[in-house]
C-alpha atoms as a PDB file:
ATOM      1  CA  UNK A   1     -14.815 -33.254 -58.171  1.00  0.00           C
ATOM      2  CA  UNK A   2     -17.141 -30.253 -58.269  1.00  0.00           C
ATOM      3  CA  UNK A   3     -19.403 -32.049 -60.673  1.00  0.00           C
ATOM      4  CA  UNK A   4     -19.473 -35.250 -58.571  1.00  0.00           C
ATOM      5  CA  UNK A   5     -20.203 -33.467 -55.290  1.00  0.00           C
ATOM      6  CA  UNK A   6     -22.581 -30.673 -56.270  1.00  0.00           C
ATOM      7  CA  UNK A   7     -23.462 -30.209 -59.974  1.00  0.00           C
ATOM      8  CA  UNK A   8     -24.581 -33.815 -60.535  1.00  0.00           C
ATOM      9  CA  UNK A   9     -27.140 -33.573 -57.710  1.00  0.00           C
ATOM     10  CA  UNK A  10     -28.410 -30.200 -58.941  1.00  0.00           C
ATOM     11  CA  UNK A  11     -28.914 -31.600 -62.445  1.00  0.00           C
ATOM     12  CA  UNK A  12     -30.762 -34.589 -60.982  1.00  0.00           C
ATOM     13  CA  UNK A  13     -33.217 -32.298 -59.222  1.00  0.00           C
ATOM     14  CA  UNK A  14     -33.735 -30.014 -62.268  1.00  0.00           C
ATOM     15  CA  UNK A  15     -34.270 -32.926 -64.649  1.00  0.00           C
ATOM     16  CA  UNK A  16     -36.639 -34.632 -62.214  1.00  0.00           C
ATOM     17  CA  UNK A  17     -38.806 -31.517 -61.904  1.00  0.00           C
ATOM     18  CA  UNK A  18     -38.910 -31.079 -65.703  1.00  0.00           C
ATOM     19  CA  UNK A  19     -39.840 -34.720 -66.343  1.00  0.00           C
ATOM     20  CA  UNK A  20     -42.251 -35.145 -63.425  1.00  0.00           C
ATOM     21  CA  UNK A  21     -45.500 -34.163 -65.288  1.00  0.00           C
ATOM     22  CA  UNK A  22     -44.732 -36.644 -68.141  1.00  0.00           C
ATOM     23  CA  UNK A  23     -43.776 -39.377 -65.641  1.00  0.00           C
ATOM     24  CA  UNK A  24     -46.974 -38.927 -63.632  1.00  0.00           C
ATOM     25  CA  UNK A  25     -49.075 -39.260 -66.796  1.00  0.00           C
ATOM     26  CA  UNK A  26     -47.322 -42.471 -67.926  1.00  0.00           C
ATOM     27  CA  UNK A  27     -47.429 -43.966 -64.418  1.00  0.00           C
ATOM     28  CA  UNK A  28     -51.135 -43.194 -64.171  1.00  0.00           C
ATOM     29  CA  UNK A  29     -51.872 -44.832 -67.532  1.00  0.00           C
ATOM     30  CA  UNK A  30     -49.877 -47.984 -66.914  1.00  0.00           C
ATOM     31  CA  UNK A  31     -50.969 -48.087 -63.293  1.00  0.00           C
ATOM     32  CA  UNK A  32     -54.580 -48.322 -64.473  1.00  0.00           C
ATOM     33  CA  UNK A  33     -53.692 -51.114 -66.931  1.00  0.00           C
ATOM     34  CA  UNK A  34     -51.783 -53.030 -64.206  1.00  0.00           C
ATOM     35  CA  UNK A  35     -54.747 -52.773 -61.850  1.00  0.00           C
ATOM     36  CA  UNK A  36     -57.220 -53.868 -64.569  1.00  0.00           C
ATOM     37  CA  UNK A  37     -55.166 -56.901 -65.520  1.00  0.00           C
ATOM     38  CA  UNK A  38     -55.042 -58.727 -62.190  1.00  0.00           C
ATOM     39  CA  UNK A  39     -56.250 -56.317 -59.475  1.00  0.00           C
ATOM     40  CA  UNK A  40     -52.824 -56.509 -57.809  1.00  0.00           C
ATOM     41  CA  UNK A  41     -50.702 -53.601 -56.537  1.00  0.00           C
ATOM     42  CA  UNK A  42     -49.460 -51.038 -59.068  1.00  0.00           C
ATOM     43  CA  UNK A  43     -46.052 -50.551 -57.536  1.00  0.00           C
ATOM     44  CA  UNK A  44     -43.287 -52.858 -56.435  1.00  0.00           C
ATOM     45  CA  UNK A  45     -41.075 -51.450 -53.684  1.00  0.00           C
ATOM     46  CA  UNK A  46     -37.976 -53.507 -53.089  1.00  0.00           C
ATOM     47  CA  UNK A  47     -35.058 -52.959 -50.733  1.00  0.00           C
ATOM     48  CA  UNK A  48     -31.796 -52.014 -52.427  1.00  0.00           C
ATOM     49  CA  UNK A  49     -28.276 -51.049 -51.448  1.00  0.00           C
ATOM     50  CA  UNK A  50     -27.653 -47.334 -51.719  1.00  0.00           C
ATOM     51  CA  UNK A  51     -24.714 -45.001 -51.223  1.00  0.00           C
ATOM     52  CA  UNK A  52     -22.445 -45.959 -48.323  1.00  0.00           C
ATOM     53  CA  UNK A  53     -24.361 -49.241 -47.902  1.00  0.00           C
ATOM     54  CA  UNK A  54     -27.605 -47.586 -46.795  1.00  0.00           C
ATOM     55  CA  UNK A  55     -30.662 -49.705 -47.623  1.00  0.00           C
ATOM     56  CA  UNK A  56     -33.592 -47.870 -49.255  1.00  0.00           C
ATOM     57  CA  UNK A  57     -36.918 -48.694 -50.930  1.00  0.00           C
ATOM     58  CA  UNK A  58     -36.674 -48.568 -54.729  1.00  0.00           C
ATOM     59  CA  UNK A  59     -39.907 -47.917 -56.603  1.00  0.00           C
ATOM     60  CA  UNK A  60     -40.958 -49.694 -59.801  1.00  0.00           C
ATOM     61  CA  UNK A  61     -44.167 -50.321 -61.710  1.00  0.00           C
ATOM     62  CA  UNK A  62     -45.067 -53.946 -61.008  1.00  0.00           C
ATOM     63  CA  UNK A  63     -44.269 -56.131 -64.009  1.00  0.00           C
ATOM     64  CA  UNK A  64     -44.638 -59.570 -62.409  1.00  0.00           C
ATOM     65  CA  UNK A  65     -47.524 -61.606 -61.133  1.00  0.00           C
ATOM     66  CA  UNK A  66     -48.281 -61.282 -57.461  1.00  0.00           C
ATOM     67  CA  UNK A  67     -46.272 -63.745 -55.315  1.00  0.00           C
ATOM     68  CA  UNK A  68     -44.014 -64.690 -58.237  1.00  0.00           C
ATOM     69  CA  UNK A  69     -41.152 -67.027 -57.320  1.00  0.00           C
ATOM     70  CA  UNK A  70     -37.570 -65.797 -57.075  1.00  0.00           C
ATOM     71  CA  UNK A  71     -35.561 -66.842 -60.177  1.00  0.00           C
ATOM     72  CA  UNK A  72     -31.819 -66.225 -60.344  1.00  0.00           C
ATOM     73  CA  UNK A  73     -28.985 -66.541 -62.828  1.00  0.00           C
ATOM     74  CA  UNK A  74     -26.153 -68.909 -61.846  1.00  0.00           C
ATOM     75  CA  UNK A  75     -24.110 -65.896 -60.612  1.00  0.00           C
ATOM     76  CA  UNK A  76     -26.899 -64.995 -58.177  1.00  0.00           C
ATOM     77  CA  UNK A  77     -28.128 -61.996 -60.133  1.00  0.00           C
ATOM     78  CA  UNK A  78     -31.806 -61.545 -60.932  1.00  0.00           C
ATOM     79  CA  UNK A  79     -33.168 -63.323 -64.002  1.00  0.00           C
ATOM     80  CA  UNK A  80     -34.658 -61.593 -67.059  1.00  0.00           C
ATOM     81  CA  UNK A  81     -36.107 -63.320 -70.105  1.00  0.00           C
ATOM     82  CA  UNK A  82     -38.698 -62.688 -72.800  1.00  0.00           C
ATOM     83  CA  UNK A  83     -40.166 -66.055 -71.866  1.00  0.00           C
ATOM     84  CA  UNK A  84     -40.252 -65.364 -68.106  1.00  0.00           C
ATOM     85  CA  UNK A  85     -43.533 -66.895 -66.905  1.00  0.00           C
ATOM     86  CA  UNK A  86     -43.667 -64.488 -63.983  1.00  0.00           C
ATOM     87  CA  UNK A  87     -44.329 -61.439 -66.224  1.00  0.00           C
ATOM     88  CA  UNK A  88     -47.819 -60.126 -66.734  1.00  0.00           C
ATOM     89  CA  UNK A  89     -48.946 -59.052 -70.202  1.00  0.00           C
ATOM     90  CA  UNK A  90     -48.501 -55.385 -69.272  1.00  0.00           C
ATOM     91  CA  UNK A  91     -45.268 -56.323 -67.531  1.00  0.00           C
ATOM     92  CA  UNK A  92     -43.737 -57.573 -70.752  1.00  0.00           C
ATOM     93  CA  UNK A  93     -44.297 -54.179 -72.345  1.00  0.00           C
ATOM     94  CA  UNK A  94     -42.957 -52.377 -69.295  1.00  0.00           C
ATOM     95  CA  UNK A  95     -39.802 -54.495 -69.216  1.00  0.00           C
ATOM     96  CA  UNK A  96     -39.159 -54.192 -72.951  1.00  0.00           C
ATOM     97  CA  UNK A  97     -39.407 -50.393 -72.849  1.00  0.00           C
ATOM     98  CA  UNK A  98     -37.902 -49.991 -69.333  1.00  0.00           C
ATOM     99  CA  UNK A  99     -40.960 -47.925 -68.409  1.00  0.00           C
ATOM    100  CA  UNK A 100     -41.215 -49.963 -65.178  1.00  0.00           C
ATOM    101  CA  UNK A 101     -38.245 -47.931 -63.920  1.00  0.00           C
ATOM    102  CA  UNK A 102     -40.002 -44.550 -64.242  1.00  0.00           C
ATOM    103  CA  UNK A 103     -41.201 -44.329 -60.611  1.00  0.00           C
ATOM    104  CA  UNK A 104     -37.518 -44.155 -59.580  1.00  0.00           C
ATOM    105  CA  UNK A 105     -37.682 -40.476 -60.420  1.00  0.00           C
ATOM    106  CA  UNK A 106     -39.187 -40.178 -56.935  1.00  0.00           C
ATOM    107  CA  UNK A 107     -36.119 -41.930 -55.533  1.00  0.00           C
ATOM    108  CA  UNK A 108     -33.995 -39.343 -57.335  1.00  0.00           C
ATOM    109  CA  UNK A 109     -36.006 -36.485 -55.787  1.00  0.00           C
ATOM    110  CA  UNK A 110     -35.619 -38.072 -52.334  1.00  0.00           C
ATOM    111  CA  UNK A 111     -31.858 -38.311 -52.767  1.00  0.00           C
ATOM    112  CA  UNK A 112     -31.751 -42.150 -52.772  1.00  0.00           C
ATOM    113  CA  UNK A 113     -30.708 -42.342 -56.396  1.00  0.00           C
ATOM    114  CA  UNK A 114     -29.307 -40.387 -59.329  1.00  0.00           C
ATOM    115  CA  UNK A 115     -30.326 -40.503 -62.984  1.00  0.00           C
ATOM    116  CA  UNK A 116     -26.893 -41.939 -63.835  1.00  0.00           C
ATOM    117  CA  UNK A 117     -24.983 -44.337 -61.624  1.00  0.00           C
ATOM    118  CA  UNK A 118     -24.436 -48.047 -60.876  1.00  0.00           C
ATOM    119  CA  UNK A 119     -27.674 -49.998 -60.685  1.00  0.00           C
ATOM    120  CA  UNK A 120     -28.372 -50.846 -57.037  1.00  0.00           C
ATOM    121  CA  UNK A 121     -27.911 -54.408 -55.823  1.00  0.00           C
ATOM    122  CA  UNK A 122     -30.026 -56.401 -53.377  1.00  0.00           C
ATOM    123  CA  UNK A 123     -28.960 -55.852 -49.722  1.00  0.00           C
ATOM    124  CA  UNK A 124     -27.557 -59.356 -49.357  1.00  0.00           C
ATOM    125  CA  UNK A 125     -25.163 -58.804 -52.270  1.00  0.00           C
ATOM    126  CA  UNK A 126     -22.921 -56.717 -50.040  1.00  0.00           C
ATOM    127  CA  UNK A 127     -21.731 -60.050 -48.536  1.00  0.00           C
ATOM    128  CA  UNK A 128     -20.434 -61.104 -51.970  1.00  0.00           C
ATOM    129  CA  UNK A 129     -18.411 -58.029 -52.876  1.00  0.00           C
ATOM    130  CA  UNK A 130     -14.713 -58.708 -53.177  1.00  0.00           C
ATOM    131  CA  UNK A 131     -11.806 -56.263 -53.071  1.00  0.00           C
ATOM    132  CA  UNK A 132     -12.679 -52.881 -54.513  1.00  0.00           C
ATOM    133  CA  UNK A 133     -16.138 -53.964 -55.680  1.00  0.00           C
ATOM    134  CA  UNK A 134     -17.584 -52.336 -52.583  1.00  0.00           C
ATOM    135  CA  UNK A 135     -16.489 -48.982 -54.063  1.00  0.00           C
ATOM    136  CA  UNK A 136     -19.637 -48.921 -56.181  1.00  0.00           C
ATOM    137  CA  UNK A 137     -21.328 -47.777 -52.971  1.00  0.00           C
ATOM    138  CA  UNK A 138     -19.298 -44.542 -52.989  1.00  0.00           C
ATOM    139  CA  UNK A 139     -21.834 -42.920 -55.324  1.00  0.00           C
ATOM    140  CA  UNK A 140     -25.625 -42.837 -55.549  1.00  0.00           C
ATOM    141  CA  UNK A 141     -27.086 -45.703 -57.560  1.00  0.00           C
ATOM    142  CA  UNK A 142     -28.704 -44.761 -60.860  1.00  0.00           C
ATOM    143  CA  UNK A 143     -31.886 -45.307 -62.844  1.00  0.00           C
ATOM    144  CA  UNK A 144     -29.476 -46.107 -65.630  1.00  0.00           C
ATOM    145  CA  UNK A 145     -25.728 -46.529 -65.728  1.00  0.00           C
ATOM    146  CA  UNK A 146     -22.738 -47.695 -67.675  1.00  0.00           C
ATOM    147  CA  UNK A 147     -23.900 -51.311 -67.713  1.00  0.00           C
ATOM    148  CA  UNK A 148     -27.456 -50.468 -68.734  1.00  0.00           C
ATOM    149  CA  UNK A 149     -26.273 -48.175 -71.517  1.00  0.00           C
ATOM    150  CA  UNK A 150     -23.786 -50.573 -73.110  1.00  0.00           C
ATOM    151  CA  UNK A 151     -24.842 -54.059 -72.006  1.00  0.00           C
ATOM    152  CA  UNK A 152     -28.191 -53.942 -70.132  1.00  0.00           C
ATOM    153  CA  UNK A 153     -28.633 -57.545 -68.835  1.00  0.00           C
ATOM    154  CA  UNK A 154     -26.286 -59.305 -71.285  1.00  0.00           C
ATOM    155  CA  UNK A 155     -23.225 -59.535 -68.958  1.00  0.00           C
ATOM    156  CA  UNK A 156     -22.713 -61.426 -65.709  1.00  0.00           C
ATOM    157  CA  UNK A 157     -22.958 -59.722 -62.321  1.00  0.00           C
ATOM    158  CA  UNK A 158     -19.201 -59.760 -61.598  1.00  0.00           C
ATOM    159  CA  UNK A 159     -18.473 -58.073 -64.936  1.00  0.00           C
ATOM    160  CA  UNK A 160     -21.142 -55.486 -64.107  1.00  0.00           C
ATOM    161  CA  UNK A 161     -19.335 -54.757 -60.823  1.00  0.00           C
ATOM    162  CA  UNK A 162     -16.097 -54.153 -62.737  1.00  0.00           C
ATOM    163  CA  UNK A 163     -17.938 -51.768 -65.018  1.00  0.00           C
ATOM    164  CA  UNK A 164     -19.419 -50.002 -61.971  1.00  0.00           C
ATOM    165  CA  UNK A 165     -15.929 -49.433 -60.588  1.00  0.00           C
ATOM    166  CA  UNK A 166     -14.854 -48.002 -63.965  1.00  0.00           C
ATOM    167  CA  UNK A 167     -17.717 -45.544 -63.680  1.00  0.00           C
ATOM    168  CA  UNK A 168     -16.822 -44.554 -60.109  1.00  0.00           C
ATOM    169  CA  UNK A 169     -13.231 -43.924 -61.173  1.00  0.00           C
ATOM    170  CA  UNK A 170     -14.177 -41.883 -64.239  1.00  0.00           C
ATOM    171  CA  UNK A 171     -17.380 -40.066 -63.248  1.00  0.00           C
ATOM    172  CA  UNK A 172     -17.798 -36.789 -65.200  1.00  0.00           C
ATOM    173  CA  UNK A 173     -20.466 -34.768 -66.965  1.00  0.00           C
ATOM    174  CA  UNK A 174     -19.356 -36.045 -70.396  1.00  0.00           C
ATOM    175  CA  UNK A 175     -19.463 -39.685 -69.281  1.00  0.00           C
ATOM    176  CA  UNK A 176     -22.956 -39.198 -67.798  1.00  0.00           C
ATOM    177  CA  UNK A 177     -24.103 -37.513 -71.014  1.00  0.00           C
ATOM    178  CA  UNK A 178     -22.781 -40.417 -73.137  1.00  0.00           C
ATOM    179  CA  UNK A 179     -24.464 -42.969 -70.838  1.00  0.00           C
ATOM    180  CA  UNK A 180     -27.780 -41.129 -71.060  1.00  0.00           C
ATOM    181  CA  UNK A 181     -27.859 -41.038 -74.845  1.00  0.00           C
ATOM    182  CA  UNK A 182     -26.516 -44.605 -75.186  1.00  0.00           C
ATOM    183  CA  UNK A 183     -29.295 -45.746 -72.831  1.00  0.00           C
ATOM    184  CA  UNK A 184     -31.939 -44.175 -75.078  1.00  0.00           C
ATOM    185  CA  UNK A 185     -30.409 -45.908 -78.102  1.00  0.00           C
ATOM    186  CA  UNK A 186     -30.237 -49.296 -76.311  1.00  0.00           C
ATOM    187  CA  UNK A 187     -33.858 -49.089 -75.172  1.00  0.00           C
ATOM    188  CA  UNK A 188     -35.115 -48.096 -78.601  1.00  0.00           C
ATOM    189  CA  UNK A 189     -33.092 -50.904 -80.281  1.00  0.00           C
ATOM    190  CA  UNK A 190     -34.130 -53.385 -77.543  1.00  0.00           C
ATOM    191  CA  UNK A 191     -30.485 -54.481 -77.101  1.00  0.00           C
ATOM    192  CA  UNK A 192     -29.416 -56.760 -74.235  1.00  0.00           C
ATOM    193  CA  UNK A 193     -32.730 -56.670 -72.441  1.00  0.00           C
ATOM    194  CA  UNK A 194     -32.703 -60.293 -71.251  1.00  0.00           C
ATOM    195  CA  UNK A 195     -30.288 -62.616 -69.511  1.00  0.00           C
ATOM    196  CA  UNK A 196     -30.126 -66.198 -70.673  1.00  0.00           C
ATOM    197  CA  UNK A 197     -29.548 -68.766 -67.890  1.00  0.00           C
ATOM    198  CA  UNK A 198     -31.375 -69.073 -64.595  1.00  0.00           C
ATOM    199  CA  UNK A 199     -32.095 -71.247 -61.613  1.00  0.00           C
ATOM    200  CA  UNK A 200     -35.068 -71.263 -59.268  1.00  0.00           C
ATOM    201  CA  UNK A 201     -34.531 -70.430 -55.624  1.00  0.00           C
ATOM    202  CA  UNK A 202     -37.278 -71.670 -53.295  1.00  0.00           C
ATOM    203  CA  UNK A 203     -38.537 -68.410 -51.857  1.00  0.00           C
ATOM    204  CA  UNK A 204     -42.133 -67.357 -51.233  1.00  0.00           C
ATOM    205  CA  UNK A 205     -41.203 -63.705 -50.949  1.00  0.00           C
ATOM    206  CA  UNK A 206     -42.305 -61.685 -53.977  1.00  0.00           C
ATOM    207  CA  UNK A 207     -39.263 -60.061 -55.574  1.00  0.00           C
ATOM    208  CA  UNK A 208     -38.733 -58.299 -58.850  1.00  0.00           C
ATOM    209  CA  UNK A 209     -35.405 -57.740 -60.564  1.00  0.00           C
END
């Protein structure tokens, strides 16, 4: 309980401060490449569900073309594919390496997110939670989490929610440590990056996954 309420947040702040110089350098480099490719915005800021259902702006490096259509998997979750036509050339690199998530370190510093926790859903997804699934909102969402470490995008949304509840029920320093190192391994091995099935939803609003 002490870890969940106090130590976890303290570690988030310390790790953010340590990593901030490296993150700024990488963001600056890829930000320049994004701007040179299509002159569009460097960042994508999408609304996400945070702790206790509070909606916040989550920061990412933009990996899609401007005004890209909204593609979804059959379960309503966002679509990811190595053949996704919405991705820019730089965006494919960012997605493969998960470097597009780096700006979320600023969300961690602001207190919107943690390094480890359930990945945040879109605001409308709160209407589709059933039973104890809403309990994922008891903790701060994470840059990475149990799903990202062990499955990334290879499991359906409802299974991810079950995994999120497992995390909420078992949160500890050792579990966070295991998730962190497993995430590094999954990214390096490029495991489970992409989902497989999708459908197109008619929506002119630009949205990234």
